[in-house]
């Protein structure tokens, strides 16, 4: 588990280091549940319950999981900053 996460700033186009407050791992230990990298709620690891974040990454650039609400907020921030959507 990494001690800090990389948070992408869509406006500045740069990362900032943020403490790994929720103890996130790219691969949850039980494989079925983890916490949202943004808000911390417990989410199911599935096609419908979680999304790979465009904003929260590890040191090598892999995205952590976020809930559907936080993923929608990321997409709004991305559009506002003028970045292309996936």
C-alpha atoms as a PDB file:
ATOM      1  CA  UNK A   1       0.000   0.000   0.000  1.00  0.00           C
ATOM      2  CA  UNK A   2       1.335   3.403  -0.967  1.00  0.00           C
ATOM      3  CA  UNK A   3       1.478   6.122   1.685  1.00  0.00           C
ATOM      4  CA  UNK A   4       0.424   8.857  -0.728  1.00  0.00           C
ATOM      5  CA  UNK A   5      -1.862   9.066  -3.738  1.00  0.00           C
ATOM      6  CA  UNK A   6      -1.390  11.262  -6.775  1.00  0.00           C
ATOM      7  CA  UNK A   7      -4.332  13.593  -7.384  1.00  0.00           C
ATOM      8  CA  UNK A   8      -4.544  15.044 -10.881  1.00  0.00           C
ATOM      9  CA  UNK A   9      -5.563  18.694 -11.134  1.00  0.00           C
ATOM     10  CA  UNK A  10      -7.495  19.110 -14.385  1.00  0.00           C
ATOM     11  CA  UNK A  11      -6.975  22.892 -14.415  1.00  0.00           C
ATOM     12  CA  UNK A  12      -3.246  22.965 -13.660  1.00  0.00           C
ATOM     13  CA  UNK A  13      -2.401  19.740 -15.515  1.00  0.00           C
ATOM     14  CA  UNK A  14      -0.248  18.491 -12.663  1.00  0.00           C
ATOM     15  CA  UNK A  15      -0.291  16.061  -9.750  1.00  0.00           C
ATOM     16  CA  UNK A  16      -0.246  16.774  -6.046  1.00  0.00           C
ATOM     17  CA  UNK A  17       0.597  14.228  -3.360  1.00  0.00           C
ATOM     18  CA  UNK A  18      -2.270  13.428  -0.987  1.00  0.00           C
ATOM     19  CA  UNK A  19      -2.054  11.127   2.077  1.00  0.00           C
ATOM     20  CA  UNK A  20      -3.608   7.706   1.558  1.00  0.00           C
ATOM     21  CA  UNK A  21      -6.162   8.355   4.311  1.00  0.00           C
ATOM     22  CA  UNK A  22      -8.398   5.381   3.485  1.00  0.00           C
ATOM     23  CA  UNK A  23      -5.587   2.845   3.107  1.00  0.00           C
ATOM     24  CA  UNK A  24      -6.465   2.240  -0.524  1.00  0.00           C
ATOM     25  CA  UNK A  25      -4.937  -0.507  -2.581  1.00  0.00           C
ATOM     26  CA  UNK A  26      -5.250  -1.013  -6.323  1.00  0.00           C
ATOM     27  CA  UNK A  27      -6.332  -4.573  -5.646  1.00  0.00           C
ATOM     28  CA  UNK A  28      -8.609  -4.772  -2.609  1.00  0.00           C
ATOM     29  CA  UNK A  29      -7.660  -7.632  -0.254  1.00  0.00           C
ATOM     30  CA  UNK A  30     -11.059  -9.350  -0.428  1.00  0.00           C
ATOM     31  CA  UNK A  31     -11.545  -8.485  -4.118  1.00  0.00           C
ATOM     32  CA  UNK A  32     -15.178  -7.442  -3.722  1.00  0.00           C
ATOM     33  CA  UNK A  33     -15.217  -4.171  -1.758  1.00  0.00           C
ATOM     34  CA  UNK A  34     -13.045  -1.113  -1.428  1.00  0.00           C
ATOM     35  CA  UNK A  35     -13.422   2.556  -0.598  1.00  0.00           C
ATOM     36  CA  UNK A  36     -13.956   5.375  -3.045  1.00  0.00           C
ATOM     37  CA  UNK A  37     -10.633   7.189  -3.480  1.00  0.00           C
ATOM     38  CA  UNK A  38     -12.418  10.542  -3.406  1.00  0.00           C
ATOM     39  CA  UNK A  39     -15.182  10.380  -0.759  1.00  0.00           C
ATOM     40  CA  UNK A  40     -14.283   7.193   1.139  1.00  0.00           C
ATOM     41  CA  UNK A  41     -17.634   5.384   0.998  1.00  0.00           C
ATOM     42  CA  UNK A  42     -17.531   1.614   0.668  1.00  0.00           C
ATOM     43  CA  UNK A  43     -18.156   0.508  -2.915  1.00  0.00           C
ATOM     44  CA  UNK A  44     -18.549  -2.819  -4.661  1.00  0.00           C
ATOM     45  CA  UNK A  45     -15.779  -3.770  -7.065  1.00  0.00           C
ATOM     46  CA  UNK A  46     -17.890  -4.440 -10.152  1.00  0.00           C
ATOM     47  CA  UNK A  47     -18.815  -3.153 -13.587  1.00  0.00           C
ATOM     48  CA  UNK A  48     -21.738  -1.188 -12.123  1.00  0.00           C
ATOM     49  CA  UNK A  49     -20.529  -0.146  -8.676  1.00  0.00           C
ATOM     50  CA  UNK A  50     -17.149   1.412  -9.344  1.00  0.00           C
ATOM     51  CA  UNK A  51     -15.095   3.239 -11.955  1.00  0.00           C
ATOM     52  CA  UNK A  52     -11.372   3.669 -12.536  1.00  0.00           C
ATOM     53  CA  UNK A  53     -10.596   7.226 -11.533  1.00  0.00           C
ATOM     54  CA  UNK A  54      -9.218   9.786 -13.971  1.00  0.00           C
ATOM     55  CA  UNK A  55      -8.020  11.863 -11.024  1.00  0.00           C
ATOM     56  CA  UNK A  56      -6.660   9.515  -8.318  1.00  0.00           C
ATOM     57  CA  UNK A  57      -3.576   7.475  -9.263  1.00  0.00           C
ATOM     58  CA  UNK A  58      -0.682   5.591  -7.750  1.00  0.00           C
ATOM     59  CA  UNK A  59       2.950   6.529  -8.372  1.00  0.00           C
ATOM     60  CA  UNK A  60       3.010   4.664 -11.699  1.00  0.00           C
ATOM     61  CA  UNK A  61      -0.236   6.157 -13.017  1.00  0.00           C
ATOM     62  CA  UNK A  62      -2.736   3.365 -12.347  1.00  0.00           C
ATOM     63  CA  UNK A  63      -6.135   4.683 -11.317  1.00  0.00           C
ATOM     64  CA  UNK A  64      -7.846   3.869  -8.033  1.00  0.00           C
ATOM     65  CA  UNK A  65     -11.562   3.091  -7.911  1.00  0.00           C
ATOM     66  CA  UNK A  66     -14.219   5.729  -7.263  1.00  0.00           C
ATOM     67  CA  UNK A  67     -17.992   5.604  -6.822  1.00  0.00           C
ATOM     68  CA  UNK A  68     -20.342   6.592  -9.639  1.00  0.00           C
ATOM     69  CA  UNK A  69     -21.095   9.994  -8.077  1.00  0.00           C
ATOM     70  CA  UNK A  70     -17.422  10.950  -7.721  1.00  0.00           C
ATOM     71  CA  UNK A  71     -16.682   9.682 -11.233  1.00  0.00           C
ATOM     72  CA  UNK A  72     -19.429  11.989 -12.564  1.00  0.00           C
ATOM     73  CA  UNK A  73     -17.852  14.897 -10.666  1.00  0.00           C
ATOM     74  CA  UNK A  74     -14.485  14.069 -12.262  1.00  0.00           C
ATOM     75  CA  UNK A  75     -16.034  14.172 -15.720  1.00  0.00           C
ATOM     76  CA  UNK A  76     -17.618  17.566 -15.006  1.00  0.00           C
ATOM     77  CA  UNK A  77     -14.257  18.910 -13.791  1.00  0.00           C
ATOM     78  CA  UNK A  78     -12.544  17.464 -16.871  1.00  0.00           C
ATOM     79  CA  UNK A  79     -15.023  19.158 -19.221  1.00  0.00           C
ATOM     80  CA  UNK A  80     -14.808  22.440 -17.335  1.00  0.00           C
ATOM     81  CA  UNK A  81     -11.021  22.379 -17.679  1.00  0.00           C
ATOM     82  CA  UNK A  82     -11.334  21.656 -21.401  1.00  0.00           C
ATOM     83  CA  UNK A  83      -9.762  18.198 -21.308  1.00  0.00           C
ATOM     84  CA  UNK A  84     -11.063  15.587 -23.715  1.00  0.00           C
ATOM     85  CA  UNK A  85     -13.293  12.856 -22.355  1.00  0.00           C
ATOM     86  CA  UNK A  86     -12.411   9.214 -22.810  1.00  0.00           C
END
